[in-house]
Amino acid sequence: MRNLFLFLFRFRGVLVFSLLEVVSIYLFVTNNSYQRAAFFNSANAYAGIVLERRTKVADYFHLAEMNQQLAMENAALRQQLYPADTVRREADSVAVPPARTDSLKRIRYQRPAARPDTLLLGQQRLPARDPSYPLIPARVINNMLHNVDNFLTLNVGSSSGVRQGMGVVGAGGVVGRVKVVSEHYATVTSLLNSKTSISSKIKRDGTFGTIKWLGDDPTHAVLDNVLRETRLVKGDTVVTSGYNAVFPEGIFIGTVDSFVKEPDKNFWTVRVRLGVNFANLTYVYVVTSRPKAERDTLEAQSGVKPEGGMPK
């Protein structure tokens, strides 16, 4: 202990100078918007490089598990597309009576085959080329689960067309929203974030609400602002409403797991089981909304706050 005090006393000038330097840099960055933005962009870039290299090493030892996960995901997506392909082949290649052929044609008309330029994400078919909501594929290289405010890091950035405020979806549904972007990496505000709110609706009857996370269970969130007069059913599908232009309408969020009428409130307390397994999230898509910039400008000029928006 005596040696420690002697060391601190000997280098007291350097230590005090270093401490004051750190404090001055902190004050300089936090009180100047340009320097703050430059610092966080640079920090995001360097952190992204470290995380990507760490992920590459980890991926090497988990190739079999990742391949199995991708195979299961592809099988689930193919299963949703398969019935239409089956009907088309049956109608085109099987010799059946005229009445049966007419019936098959009607079925084929009602359930058309999947287009090759679309992706089925969160139970919603999204165009993959030149749509209102183009998709940018990304790999999750860092994922937080156990905090009140959780974030993800993706291996795509401004060079791939990613911008702040864009939505992020996975095969299971809504994942979050882009917060900070560097040239090759992006940080995402996860749905598992206390400041996240997503404008949503119950698919069965169109009842609107807002999805929020309470900070406890990574598999559940709460659907707020559902009036007590609403008739709820366990298992109801909750999807995006399309109100905030970040996500297309109809992207899967989760299913109603339970609901309770609070005696002192005019709204239901609705617990929703999330469709995305955040503990095993590997590949996602960044949703780039072309109409969003024009809509944001119009709403800003009108003084309208977007419904169910998330923090940038």
Foldseek 3Di string as FASTA:
>chain_A
DVVVVVVCVVCVVVVVVVVVVVVVVVCVLVVDPVSVLVVVQVVLVVVLVVLVVVQVVVCVVCVVVVVVVVVVLVVVQCVVQVVLVVLVCCLPPPDDDPVVNVVSVVVNVVRPHDDPQWDQAQNDTHGCPDDLWHKDKWWWSDWDDQFQWIKTKTQAFVCRPDDFFAFKTGNQFGFFGWHHGYHGMTMGRGLSHQQAKAWKAFVVPGFTFIWGAPNDDSFKTWTPDAFPVDDDDFFTWMWGCCQQQRDHTPRTFFTFHDWDDDPVDRHITTMGGGRDDSVDDTMMITIDRNCNVVVVVVCVVVVHDTPGGGDD
